[in-house]
Amino acid sequence: MATDWGRLDLTLLVPLNALLIERNVTKAAERLVMGQPAMSAALAKLRRHFNDPLLVREGRAMVLTPFAESLVGPVQTALVAAREVLSSGRSFTPAADRRTFTLMASDYVAGVLVLPALRGLAAEAPGVKVNVVSLRADLVELLRTGWCDVLFWPLQLQTPELLNFPHVPLFADEFIAVADRDNHAVAEPLTADALAGTRAVHVNGVAGRRVVSDVKLGELGLTQPSPVAVESFTLALQAVAGSDLVTLTPRRLYDRLGPALGLREVPLETEPLRLTIAMFWHPRNMLAPAHQWMRARLAGVAEGL
């Protein structure tokens, strides 16, 4: 075993990751602020080590070999783990430390929670950068590999795989029916039967997943005719403005955007459709000082909602 470790050149992990991301020797070198000859030498060593070309030309572009594609996730996981090992025991000083967080959230959660939590960040932690990204189909895998630091997801849509990650509920909300301010053709209050017969803007879930409002309507045995489908609750509110359509949207999002769009709430006679947003992260980040600081910042804003 000691002999195997002695043969490993762990310094090649960083250039390997850059090559897997950029798929180009020049761009990989620029990413790491190193010379192209040094990156070419690193690629040559990696090719000998794996006995695989890793990068091959396809037309005018370079592409990863199938073996190289299989390394993308494991290499990122290894680098994240190495970073945590090397930084373990260190305190995090917001005013002095430098790092980047990637937070994955829906447009709704980003507007209601994440962006408010980032106000004042530049003054408090000038070296900290935050990437706020949209929900993706492979969200669990991105959380597992460390590409995503924090994921925001409704507990009503939890899966056994996702619940294996540490998580805490942040805030609760409810869905309300919304129509244009000048749309007086909608029955009030909206009974279950009236809701099922009212044309609505539908919000598509991520990669075929249903949104919470769909799940709750399904539990009531209801579906709505939906001539318009969009990818976010924000777009749904914009689609309702000036139309004869309605949509179901989280109340907190409506409070932020609805009045300015000329929308109004339509009372529902059905049981309130509720949701709870939780924050998920990888176990390896449980005690990381920087991670704890960011989670506390997000949780603090959630408490005020």
Protein backbone atom coordinates (compact mmCIF):
# COMPACT_ATOMS: atom_id res chain seq x y z
CA MET A 1 0.00 0.00 0.00
CA ALA A 2 2.82 2.42 0.90
CA THR A 3 4.40 1.72 -2.48
CA ASP A 4 1.11 2.54 -4.26
CA TRP A 5 0.86 5.88 -2.48
CA GLY A 6 4.46 6.64 -3.33
CA ARG A 7 3.69 6.31 -7.02
CA LEU A 8 0.82 8.80 -6.93
CA ASP A 9 1.45 12.41 -7.97
CA LEU A 10 -1.46 14.15 -6.25
CA THR A 11 -0.37 17.51 -7.63
CA LEU A 12 -1.80 16.37 -10.97
CA LEU A 13 -5.35 16.45 -9.60
CA VAL A 14 -5.65 20.23 -10.00
CA PRO A 15 -4.53 20.40 -13.65
CA LEU A 16 -6.61 17.28 -14.37
CA ASN A 17 -9.70 19.02 -13.03
CA ALA A 18 -8.96 22.12 -15.12
CA LEU A 19 -8.53 20.00 -18.26
CA LEU A 20 -11.79 18.13 -17.59
CA ILE A 21 -13.66 21.42 -17.15
CA GLU A 22 -12.11 23.45 -19.97
CA ARG A 23 -11.45 20.58 -22.44
CA ASN A 24 -8.67 22.74 -23.85
CA VAL A 25 -5.00 22.92 -22.84
CA THR A 26 -4.68 26.67 -23.35
CA LYS A 27 -7.86 27.52 -21.44
CA ALA A 28 -6.95 25.05 -18.67
CA ALA A 29 -3.58 26.78 -18.31
CA GLU A 30 -5.25 30.20 -18.18
CA ARG A 31 -7.67 28.92 -15.55
CA LEU A 32 -4.76 28.00 -13.27
CA VAL A 33 -2.58 30.98 -14.28
CA MET A 34 0.22 28.73 -15.51
CA GLY A 35 2.13 28.42 -18.75
CA GLN A 36 0.78 26.30 -21.60
CA PRO A 37 3.98 24.18 -21.77
CA ALA A 38 3.53 23.25 -18.10
CA MET A 39 -0.09 22.27 -18.71
CA SER A 40 0.91 20.23 -21.78
CA ALA A 41 3.50 18.45 -19.66
CA ALA A 42 0.86 17.72 -17.01
CA LEU A 43 -1.46 16.30 -19.68
CA ALA A 44 1.34 14.06 -20.95
CA LYS A 45 1.93 12.71 -17.43
CA LEU A 46 -1.80 12.13 -16.95
CA ARG A 47 -2.03 10.27 -20.25
CA ARG A 48 0.81 7.97 -19.19
CA HIS A 49 -0.67 7.45 -15.76
CA PHE A 50 -4.15 6.51 -17.03
CA ASN A 51 -2.99 4.96 -20.31
CA ASP A 52 -5.71 7.00 -21.98
CA PRO A 53 -5.48 10.10 -24.23
CA LEU A 54 -8.12 11.92 -22.10
CA LEU A 55 -8.50 14.72 -24.68
CA VAL A 56 -8.90 13.94 -28.39
CA ARG A 57 -9.58 16.13 -31.39
CA GLU A 58 -13.04 16.03 -32.96
CA GLY A 59 -13.21 18.37 -35.92
CA ARG A 60 -11.85 21.72 -34.71
CA ALA A 61 -12.61 21.06 -31.05
CA MET A 62 -11.13 18.87 -28.35
CA VAL A 63 -13.45 16.44 -26.55
CA LEU A 64 -13.07 14.16 -23.56
CA THR A 65 -12.69 10.45 -24.06
CA PRO A 66 -15.34 8.25 -22.38
CA PHE A 67 -12.83 7.43 -19.65
CA ALA A 68 -12.12 11.12 -19.06
CA GLU A 69 -15.87 11.80 -18.83
CA SER A 70 -16.06 9.18 -16.08
CA LEU A 71 -13.42 11.09 -14.09
CA VAL A 72 -15.28 14.42 -13.91
CA GLY A 73 -17.36 13.63 -10.81
CA PRO A 74 -14.71 11.68 -8.85
CA VAL A 75 -12.02 14.32 -9.46
CA GLN A 76 -14.29 17.13 -8.24
CA THR A 77 -15.23 15.05 -5.18
CA ALA A 78 -11.56 14.38 -4.44
CA LEU A 79 -10.66 18.08 -4.66
CA VAL A 80 -13.51 19.11 -2.41
CA ALA A 81 -12.52 16.48 0.14
CA ALA A 82 -8.87 17.58 -0.02
CA ARG A 83 -9.89 21.20 0.54
CA GLU A 84 -11.90 20.24 3.60
CA VAL A 85 -9.03 18.17 5.03
CA LEU A 86 -6.52 20.98 4.56
CA SER A 87 -8.85 23.59 6.03
CA SER A 88 -10.09 21.50 8.96
CA GLY A 89 -9.55 23.13 12.31
CA ARG A 90 -9.18 26.58 10.78
CA SER A 91 -11.52 29.33 11.80
CA PHE A 92 -13.32 31.35 9.17
CA THR A 93 -12.86 35.11 9.19
CA PRO A 94 -15.44 36.70 6.87
CA ALA A 95 -13.52 39.95 6.52
CA ALA A 96 -10.28 38.22 5.48
CA ASP A 97 -10.98 34.79 4.01
CA ARG A 98 -11.62 34.07 0.34
CA ARG A 99 -13.90 31.38 -1.06
CA THR A 100 -16.83 30.80 -3.38
CA PHE A 101 -20.21 29.30 -2.49
CA THR A 102 -22.65 27.80 -4.97
CA LEU A 103 -26.27 27.93 -3.83
CA MET A 104 -28.94 26.11 -5.86
CA ALA A 105 -32.49 27.43 -5.58
CA SER A 106 -35.71 28.02 -7.48
CA ASP A 107 -36.51 31.55 -8.62
CA TYR A 108 -39.00 31.73 -5.75
CA VAL A 109 -36.53 30.78 -3.01
CA ALA A 110 -33.78 32.90 -4.58
CA GLY A 111 -35.99 36.00 -4.51
CA VAL A 112 -37.57 35.46 -1.11
CA LEU A 113 -34.57 34.15 0.87
CA VAL A 114 -31.22 33.86 -0.88
CA LEU A 115 -30.80 37.32 -2.39
CA PRO A 116 -31.95 39.10 0.81
CA ALA A 117 -29.39 36.99 2.73
CA LEU A 118 -26.62 38.29 0.48
CA ARG A 119 -27.30 41.95 1.14
CA GLY A 120 -24.32 43.53 2.83
CA LEU A 121 -22.11 40.57 1.94
CA ALA A 122 -19.57 42.66 0.02
CA ALA A 123 -18.93 44.86 3.04
CA GLU A 124 -18.84 42.04 5.58
CA ALA A 125 -16.93 39.48 3.51
CA PRO A 126 -15.26 41.14 0.50
CA GLY A 127 -13.38 37.97 -0.43
CA VAL A 128 -16.47 35.76 -0.53
CA LYS A 129 -18.24 35.14 -3.82
CA VAL A 130 -21.64 33.48 -4.21
CA ASN A 131 -23.02 31.79 -7.31
CA VAL A 132 -26.82 31.48 -7.20
CA VAL A 133 -27.83 28.84 -9.75
CA SER A 134 -31.16 27.45 -10.91
CA LEU A 135 -32.39 24.01 -9.97
CA ARG A 136 -31.04 21.28 -12.24
CA ALA A 137 -32.14 17.75 -13.05
CA ASP A 138 -29.01 16.24 -11.46
CA LEU A 139 -29.34 18.31 -8.28
CA VAL A 140 -28.68 15.36 -5.93
CA GLU A 141 -25.52 14.39 -7.81
CA LEU A 142 -24.30 18.00 -7.80
CA LEU A 143 -24.81 18.11 -4.04
CA ARG A 144 -22.99 14.80 -3.60
CA THR A 145 -19.95 15.82 -5.64
CA GLY A 146 -19.57 19.20 -3.96
CA TRP A 147 -20.38 21.23 -7.08
CA CYS A 148 -23.28 22.67 -5.09
CA ASP A 149 -22.71 23.81 -1.50
CA VAL A 150 -26.33 24.31 -0.46
CA LEU A 151 -29.55 23.12 -2.07
CA PHE A 152 -32.98 24.57 -1.26
CA TRP A 153 -35.82 22.12 -1.81
CA PRO A 154 -39.41 21.61 -0.54
CA LEU A 155 -39.77 18.92 2.11
CA GLN A 156 -43.05 17.93 0.46
CA LEU A 157 -41.00 16.70 -2.53
CA GLN A 158 -38.27 14.99 -0.52
CA THR A 159 -36.85 11.65 -1.64
CA PRO A 160 -35.08 8.98 0.45
CA GLU A 161 -31.84 9.77 -1.38
CA LEU A 162 -32.09 13.48 -0.62
CA LEU A 163 -33.00 12.89 3.02
CA ASN A 164 -29.65 11.13 3.49
CA PHE A 165 -28.08 14.60 3.44
CA PRO A 166 -28.10 16.88 6.50
CA HIS A 167 -30.94 19.38 6.25
CA VAL A 168 -33.01 21.83 8.25
CA PRO A 169 -36.43 23.36 7.49
CA LEU A 170 -36.13 27.11 6.92
CA PHE A 171 -39.59 28.58 6.40
CA ALA A 172 -43.18 27.64 5.58
CA ASP A 173 -45.45 29.15 2.97
CA GLU A 174 -48.78 28.51 1.29
CA PHE A 175 -50.06 28.62 -2.26
CA ILE A 176 -52.67 31.19 -3.21
CA ALA A 177 -54.68 31.75 -6.38
CA VAL A 178 -53.74 34.87 -8.33
CA ALA A 179 -55.50 36.68 -11.19
CA ASP A 180 -55.13 39.97 -13.01
CA ARG A 181 -56.57 42.93 -11.10
CA ASP A 182 -59.07 43.58 -13.91
CA ASN A 183 -60.10 39.96 -14.33
CA HIS A 184 -63.52 39.76 -12.64
CA ALA A 185 -64.70 36.63 -14.44
CA VAL A 186 -63.07 34.34 -11.87
CA ALA A 187 -65.48 32.85 -9.35
CA GLU A 188 -64.94 34.02 -5.77
CA PRO A 189 -64.20 32.23 -3.64
CA LEU A 190 -62.70 29.52 -5.80
CA THR A 191 -64.23 26.21 -4.76
CA ALA A 192 -62.52 22.93 -5.62
CA ASP A 193 -64.81 22.47 -8.62
CA ALA A 194 -64.32 26.07 -9.78
CA LEU A 195 -60.55 25.75 -9.39
CA ALA A 196 -60.55 22.60 -11.52
CA GLY A 197 -62.50 24.41 -14.24
CA THR A 198 -60.51 27.63 -14.34
CA ARG A 199 -57.84 28.05 -17.02
CA ALA A 200 -54.45 28.42 -15.41
CA VAL A 201 -50.77 29.05 -16.07
CA HIS A 202 -48.90 25.86 -15.17
CA VAL A 203 -45.39 25.80 -13.69
CA ASN A 204 -43.21 22.93 -14.91
CA GLY A 205 -41.08 21.12 -12.37
CA VAL A 206 -37.39 20.31 -12.83
CA ALA A 207 -36.73 17.35 -15.15
CA GLY A 208 -40.28 16.09 -15.01
CA ARG A 209 -40.66 16.51 -11.26
CA ARG A 210 -43.96 18.03 -10.16
CA VAL A 211 -44.11 21.28 -8.20
CA VAL A 212 -45.72 21.22 -4.75
CA SER A 213 -48.95 22.84 -5.95
CA ASP A 214 -49.44 20.02 -8.48
CA VAL A 215 -48.85 17.41 -5.78
CA LYS A 216 -51.33 19.08 -3.43
CA LEU A 217 -53.97 19.43 -6.15
CA GLY A 218 -53.45 15.76 -6.98
CA GLU A 219 -54.11 14.84 -3.35
CA LEU A 220 -57.43 16.66 -3.68
CA GLY A 221 -58.15 14.89 -6.95
CA LEU A 222 -57.97 18.14 -8.91
CA THR A 223 -56.34 19.16 -12.17
CA GLN A 224 -56.55 22.47 -14.01
CA PRO A 225 -56.77 23.20 -17.74
CA SER A 226 -53.44 24.86 -18.52
CA PRO A 227 -53.10 26.51 -21.94
CA VAL A 228 -49.78 28.09 -20.86
CA ALA A 229 -46.82 26.38 -19.17
CA VAL A 230 -43.69 28.16 -17.94
CA GLU A 231 -40.49 27.25 -16.11
CA SER A 232 -40.82 29.37 -12.97
CA PHE A 233 -43.32 30.93 -10.58
CA THR A 234 -42.03 34.39 -11.49
CA LEU A 235 -42.81 33.80 -15.16
CA ALA A 236 -46.23 32.43 -14.19
CA LEU A 237 -47.08 35.71 -12.43
CA GLN A 238 -45.95 37.67 -15.49
CA ALA A 239 -48.05 35.43 -17.75
CA VAL A 240 -51.17 36.04 -15.64
CA ALA A 241 -50.78 39.83 -15.77
CA GLY A 242 -53.19 41.28 -18.34
CA SER A 243 -54.74 37.88 -19.11
CA ASP A 244 -57.88 35.94 -18.19
CA LEU A 245 -55.80 33.17 -16.59
CA VAL A 246 -55.04 32.34 -12.97
CA THR A 247 -52.11 30.60 -11.32
CA LEU A 248 -51.21 29.11 -7.96
CA THR A 249 -48.16 30.75 -6.48
CA PRO A 250 -46.41 30.94 -3.08
CA ARG A 251 -47.80 33.80 -1.03
CA ARG A 252 -44.37 35.24 -0.19
CA LEU A 253 -43.52 35.56 -3.87
CA TYR A 254 -46.87 37.18 -4.63
CA ASP A 255 -46.34 39.70 -1.82
CA ARG A 256 -43.03 40.71 -3.44
CA LEU A 257 -44.12 40.84 -7.08
CA GLY A 258 -47.89 40.62 -7.43
CA PRO A 259 -49.03 44.19 -6.69
CA ALA A 260 -46.44 45.72 -9.03
CA LEU A 261 -47.64 43.41 -11.82
CA GLY A 262 -51.26 44.48 -11.32
CA LEU A 263 -52.35 41.16 -9.81
CA ARG A 264 -54.75 40.32 -7.01
CA GLU A 265 -55.32 37.35 -4.75
CA VAL A 266 -58.44 35.26 -5.40
CA PRO A 267 -59.79 33.65 -2.20
CA LEU A 268 -59.71 29.86 -2.12
CA GLU A 269 -62.38 27.78 -0.45
CA THR A 270 -60.19 24.67 -0.56
CA GLU A 271 -57.84 23.55 2.18
CA PRO A 272 -54.66 25.69 2.12
CA LEU A 273 -51.90 24.19 -0.01
CA ARG A 274 -48.79 24.46 2.15
CA LEU A 275 -45.08 23.93 1.53
CA THR A 276 -41.92 23.95 3.65
CA ILE A 277 -38.55 24.95 2.19
CA ALA A 278 -35.50 23.17 3.62
CA MET A 279 -31.74 23.66 3.22
CA PHE A 280 -29.61 20.60 2.31
CA TRP A 281 -25.83 20.20 2.35
CA HIS A 282 -23.18 17.47 2.25
CA PRO A 283 -22.13 15.79 5.54
CA ARG A 284 -18.48 16.66 4.92
CA ASN A 285 -19.39 20.34 5.31
CA MET A 286 -21.21 19.90 8.61
CA LEU A 287 -18.37 21.34 10.73
CA ALA A 288 -16.58 23.44 8.12
CA PRO A 289 -16.40 26.97 9.62
CA ALA A 290 -17.10 28.78 6.33
CA HIS A 291 -20.05 26.54 5.61
CA GLN A 292 -21.46 27.00 9.08
CA TRP A 293 -21.19 30.76 8.65
CA MET A 294 -23.08 30.75 5.36
CA ARG A 295 -25.79 28.40 6.66
CA ALA A 296 -26.25 30.56 9.74
CA ARG A 297 -26.60 33.64 7.55
CA LEU A 298 -29.32 31.97 5.46
CA ALA A 299 -31.10 30.54 8.49
CA GLY A 300 -31.05 33.95 10.19
CA VAL A 301 -32.88 35.57 7.28
CA ALA A 302 -35.33 32.67 7.15
CA GLU A 303 -36.22 33.22 10.81
CA GLY A 304 -37.36 36.74 9.93
CA LEU A 305 -39.73 35.59 7.20
